Amino acid sequence: MTEHEQDPPCARAVHADPNTRSVEIEPIPENVRKAVAQKSSAKWAYERLILYIKNFEEHLDSDHEIAMGFTGASAGVLRIEGIGYFDPDIVTFYGADADGTRTQLIQHVSQLNVILRALRKQPEVVEARRIGFRLAQELDTED
């Protein structure tokens, strides 16, 4: 079976408001859905996280930026400034905590639990930063 003969990944979501748009409802970009079986767990998780982050940011006002809370821990919140993966099974988040302390989370894909949160942008920042749009552009340029 070639990569173009594979079934696309399945995703679904139902919302109380039928006008709500989410990653599971939107069409999966061609470059993300191709050759899923040939991707490592880390790359596949990384690509889908980008779609979730971009979608979340699309619903933020200009005074808020994306951050993530750590599930199952009291480590707090990380303002997302970067995301990466290391094959075959590591996903990494780069950023700063609520106090501005440089923070990095390195997580095995089998332990991946992320809460996306909206934090008020830092007062010295003129425009809210949108990492999701940059990440999605990067997906478009990958082989």
C-alpha atoms as a PDB file:
ATOM      1  CA  MET A   1       0.000   0.000   0.000  1.00  0.00           C
ATOM      2  CA  THR A   2       1.446   3.391  -0.963  1.00  0.00           C
ATOM      3  CA  GLU A   3       1.182   6.460   1.248  1.00  0.00           C
ATOM      4  CA  HIS A   4      -1.626   7.825  -0.964  1.00  0.00           C
ATOM      5  CA  GLU A   5      -3.658   4.623  -0.604  1.00  0.00           C
ATOM      6  CA  GLN A   6      -3.692   4.762   3.198  1.00  0.00           C
ATOM      7  CA  ASP A   7      -6.862   5.671   5.018  1.00  0.00           C
ATOM      8  CA  PRO A   8      -6.648   9.173   6.476  1.00  0.00           C
ATOM      9  CA  PRO A   9      -6.454   9.393  10.270  1.00  0.00           C
ATOM     10  CA  CYS A  10      -9.811   9.493  12.008  1.00  0.00           C
ATOM     11  CA  ALA A  11     -10.805  12.401  14.258  1.00  0.00           C
ATOM     12  CA  ARG A  12     -14.129  13.557  15.656  1.00  0.00           C
ATOM     13  CA  ALA A  13     -15.550  15.992  18.205  1.00  0.00           C
ATOM     14  CA  VAL A  14     -19.029  17.111  19.209  1.00  0.00           C
ATOM     15  CA  HIS A  15     -19.592  20.474  20.906  1.00  0.00           C
ATOM     16  CA  ALA A  16     -22.597  21.906  22.737  1.00  0.00           C
ATOM     17  CA  ASP A  17     -22.463  24.883  20.354  1.00  0.00           C
ATOM     18  CA  PRO A  18     -22.799  23.476  16.812  1.00  0.00           C
ATOM     19  CA  ASN A  19     -20.855  26.492  15.445  1.00  0.00           C
ATOM     20  CA  THR A  20     -17.736  25.632  17.443  1.00  0.00           C
ATOM     21  CA  ARG A  21     -14.812  24.685  15.225  1.00  0.00           C
ATOM     22  CA  SER A  22     -12.055  22.420  16.512  1.00  0.00           C
ATOM     23  CA  VAL A  23      -9.126  20.445  15.156  1.00  0.00           C
ATOM     24  CA  GLU A  24     -11.088  17.203  15.025  1.00  0.00           C
ATOM     25  CA  ILE A  25     -13.800  18.806  12.859  1.00  0.00           C
ATOM     26  CA  GLU A  26     -11.576  20.689  10.416  1.00  0.00           C
ATOM     27  CA  PRO A  27     -10.066  18.868   7.428  1.00  0.00           C
ATOM     28  CA  ILE A  28      -6.647  17.429   8.264  1.00  0.00           C
ATOM     29  CA  PRO A  29      -3.963  19.171   6.176  1.00  0.00           C
ATOM     30  CA  GLU A  30      -2.609  16.914   3.440  1.00  0.00           C
ATOM     31  CA  ASN A  31       0.996  17.187   4.633  1.00  0.00           C
ATOM     32  CA  VAL A  32      -0.061  16.051   8.122  1.00  0.00           C
ATOM     33  CA  ARG A  33      -2.228  13.113   7.090  1.00  0.00           C
ATOM     34  CA  LYS A  34       0.144  11.592   4.534  1.00  0.00           C
ATOM     35  CA  ALA A  35       2.267   8.589   5.447  1.00  0.00           C
ATOM     36  CA  VAL A  36       1.015   8.405   9.035  1.00  0.00           C
ATOM     37  CA  ALA A  37       2.219   4.817   9.337  1.00  0.00           C
ATOM     38  CA  GLN A  38       5.764   5.942   8.499  1.00  0.00           C
ATOM     39  CA  LYS A  39       5.929   8.618  11.222  1.00  0.00           C
ATOM     40  CA  SER A  40       7.403   8.110  14.641  1.00  0.00           C
ATOM     41  CA  SER A  41       5.101   8.527  17.635  1.00  0.00           C
ATOM     42  CA  ALA A  42       6.936  11.753  18.447  1.00  0.00           C
ATOM     43  CA  LYS A  43       6.487  13.330  15.003  1.00  0.00           C
ATOM     44  CA  TRP A  44       2.825  12.302  14.804  1.00  0.00           C
ATOM     45  CA  ALA A  45       2.153  13.770  18.289  1.00  0.00           C
ATOM     46  CA  TYR A  46       4.122  16.941  17.394  1.00  0.00           C
ATOM     47  CA  GLU A  47       2.124  17.544  14.205  1.00  0.00           C
ATOM     48  CA  ARG A  48      -1.236  17.125  15.905  1.00  0.00           C
ATOM     49  CA  LEU A  49      -0.182  19.345  18.818  1.00  0.00           C
ATOM     50  CA  ILE A  50       0.596  22.084  16.284  1.00  0.00           C
ATOM     51  CA  LEU A  51      -2.942  21.839  14.920  1.00  0.00           C
ATOM     52  CA  TYR A  52      -4.412  22.080  18.437  1.00  0.00           C
ATOM     53  CA  ILE A  53      -2.194  25.040  19.373  1.00  0.00           C
ATOM     54  CA  LYS A  54      -3.030  26.951  16.185  1.00  0.00           C
ATOM     55  CA  ASN A  55      -6.757  26.322  16.669  1.00  0.00           C
ATOM     56  CA  PHE A  56      -6.606  27.458  20.307  1.00  0.00           C
ATOM     57  CA  GLU A  57      -4.797  30.680  19.344  1.00  0.00           C
ATOM     58  CA  GLU A  58      -7.386  31.469  16.687  1.00  0.00           C
ATOM     59  CA  HIS A  59      -9.877  31.983  19.532  1.00  0.00           C
ATOM     60  CA  LEU A  60      -7.709  34.274  21.689  1.00  0.00           C
ATOM     61  CA  ASP A  61      -8.121  38.033  21.885  1.00  0.00           C
ATOM     62  CA  SER A  62      -5.166  40.369  21.402  1.00  0.00           C
ATOM     63  CA  ASP A  63      -4.461  40.568  25.152  1.00  0.00           C
ATOM     64  CA  HIS A  64      -3.813  36.837  25.621  1.00  0.00           C
ATOM     65  CA  GLU A  65      -1.138  34.335  24.589  1.00  0.00           C
ATOM     66  CA  ILE A  66      -1.128  30.559  24.675  1.00  0.00           C
ATOM     67  CA  ALA A  67       0.295  28.682  27.632  1.00  0.00           C
ATOM     68  CA  MET A  68       0.034  25.138  28.868  1.00  0.00           C
ATOM     69  CA  GLY A  69      -0.679  23.757  32.288  1.00  0.00           C
ATOM     70  CA  PHE A  70       1.008  20.618  33.474  1.00  0.00           C
ATOM     71  CA  THR A  71      -1.395  17.819  34.173  1.00  0.00           C
ATOM     72  CA  GLY A  72      -0.791  15.674  37.207  1.00  0.00           C
ATOM     73  CA  ALA A  73       1.841  18.025  38.635  1.00  0.00           C
ATOM     74  CA  SER A  74       2.074  21.211  40.646  1.00  0.00           C
ATOM     75  CA  ALA A  75       4.709  22.729  38.353  1.00  0.00           C
ATOM     76  CA  GLY A  76       2.339  25.437  37.151  1.00  0.00           C
ATOM     77  CA  VAL A  77       2.023  26.923  33.671  1.00  0.00           C
ATOM     78  CA  LEU A  78       4.418  27.327  30.736  1.00  0.00           C
ATOM     79  CA  ARG A  79       3.968  30.158  28.211  1.00  0.00           C
ATOM     80  CA  ILE A  80       4.597  28.261  24.951  1.00  0.00           C
ATOM     81  CA  GLU A  81       7.455  29.787  22.957  1.00  0.00           C
ATOM     82  CA  GLY A  82       8.509  26.661  21.084  1.00  0.00           C
ATOM     83  CA  ILE A  83       7.748  22.997  20.572  1.00  0.00           C
ATOM     84  CA  GLY A  84       9.848  20.207  19.135  1.00  0.00           C
ATOM     85  CA  TYR A  85      10.230  16.458  18.939  1.00  0.00           C
ATOM     86  CA  PHE A  86      13.072  13.965  19.022  1.00  0.00           C
ATOM     87  CA  ASP A  87      12.381  10.668  17.267  1.00  0.00           C
ATOM     88  CA  PRO A  88      11.131   8.213  18.105  1.00  0.00           C
ATOM     89  CA  ASP A  89       9.228   9.220  21.241  1.00  0.00           C
ATOM     90  CA  ILE A  90      10.084  12.596  22.848  1.00  0.00           C
ATOM     91  CA  VAL A  91       8.119  15.870  22.576  1.00  0.00           C
ATOM     92  CA  THR A  92       9.623  19.073  24.018  1.00  0.00           C
ATOM     93  CA  PHE A  93       7.974  22.347  25.014  1.00  0.00           C
ATOM     94  CA  TYR A  94      10.037  25.543  25.446  1.00  0.00           C
ATOM     95  CA  GLY A  95       8.917  28.720  27.168  1.00  0.00           C
ATOM     96  CA  ALA A  96       8.671  30.553  30.461  1.00  0.00           C
ATOM     97  CA  ASP A  97       6.551  30.169  33.571  1.00  0.00           C
ATOM     98  CA  ALA A  98       4.190  32.848  34.890  1.00  0.00           C
ATOM     99  CA  ASP A  99       7.131  34.579  36.637  1.00  0.00           C
ATOM    100  CA  GLY A 100       9.175  34.695  33.410  1.00  0.00           C
ATOM    101  CA  THR A 101      11.558  31.903  34.457  1.00  0.00           C
ATOM    102  CA  ARG A 102      12.887  29.982  31.469  1.00  0.00           C
ATOM    103  CA  THR A 103      11.161  26.589  31.414  1.00  0.00           C
ATOM    104  CA  GLN A 104      11.409  23.441  29.299  1.00  0.00           C
ATOM    105  CA  LEU A 105       9.279  20.307  29.456  1.00  0.00           C
ATOM    106  CA  ILE A 106      10.632  17.107  27.922  1.00  0.00           C
ATOM    107  CA  GLN A 107       7.965  14.449  27.727  1.00  0.00           C
ATOM    108  CA  HIS A 108       7.664  10.904  26.437  1.00  0.00           C
ATOM    109  CA  VAL A 109       4.703  10.560  24.060  1.00  0.00           C
ATOM    110  CA  SER A 110       3.201   7.839  26.238  1.00  0.00           C
ATOM    111  CA  GLN A 111       2.899  10.411  29.049  1.00  0.00           C
ATOM    112  CA  LEU A 112       1.658  13.297  26.892  1.00  0.00           C
ATOM    113  CA  ASN A 113      -1.101  15.267  28.623  1.00  0.00           C
ATOM    114  CA  VAL A 114      -1.395  18.957  27.839  1.00  0.00           C
ATOM    115  CA  ILE A 115      -3.823  21.605  29.023  1.00  0.00           C
ATOM    116  CA  LEU A 116      -3.842  24.669  26.760  1.00  0.00           C
ATOM    117  CA  ARG A 117      -4.504  27.909  28.636  1.00  0.00           C
ATOM    118  CA  ALA A 118      -4.816  31.589  27.803  1.00  0.00           C
ATOM    119  CA  LEU A 119      -2.480  33.868  29.764  1.00  0.00           C
ATOM    120  CA  ARG A 120      -2.619  37.633  29.648  1.00  0.00           C
ATOM    121  CA  LYS A 121       0.298  38.787  27.500  1.00  0.00           C
ATOM    122  CA  GLN A 122       3.229  40.381  29.234  1.00  0.00           C
ATOM    123  CA  PRO A 123       2.806  44.172  29.582  1.00  0.00           C
ATOM    124  CA  GLU A 124       6.052  44.972  27.752  1.00  0.00           C
ATOM    125  CA  VAL A 125       4.968  42.937  24.711  1.00  0.00           C
ATOM    126  CA  VAL A 126       3.166  45.128  22.160  1.00  0.00           C
ATOM    127  CA  GLU A 127       1.433  42.330  20.234  1.00  0.00           C
ATOM    128  CA  ALA A 128       0.489  38.913  21.544  1.00  0.00           C
ATOM    129  CA  ARG A 129       2.843  36.279  20.128  1.00  0.00           C
ATOM    130  CA  ARG A 130       1.241  33.486  18.102  1.00  0.00           C
ATOM    131  CA  ILE A 131       3.460  30.392  18.072  1.00  0.00           C
ATOM    132  CA  GLY A 132       0.708  28.217  16.519  1.00  0.00           C
ATOM    133  CA  PHE A 133       0.761  30.076  13.229  1.00  0.00           C
ATOM    134  CA  ARG A 134       4.571  29.806  13.008  1.00  0.00           C
ATOM    135  CA  LEU A 135       4.408  26.091  13.822  1.00  0.00           C
ATOM    136  CA  ALA A 136       1.751  25.525  11.135  1.00  0.00           C
ATOM    137  CA  GLN A 137       3.926  27.333   8.562  1.00  0.00           C
ATOM    138  CA  GLU A 138       6.785  25.013   9.500  1.00  0.00           C
ATOM    139  CA  LEU A 139       4.544  21.983   8.905  1.00  0.00           C
ATOM    140  CA  ASP A 140       3.899  23.279   5.375  1.00  0.00           C
ATOM    141  CA  THR A 141       7.629  23.326   4.607  1.00  0.00           C
ATOM    142  CA  GLU A 142       8.467  19.835   5.934  1.00  0.00           C
ATOM    143  CA  ASP A 143       9.179  17.004   3.527  1.00  0.00           C
END
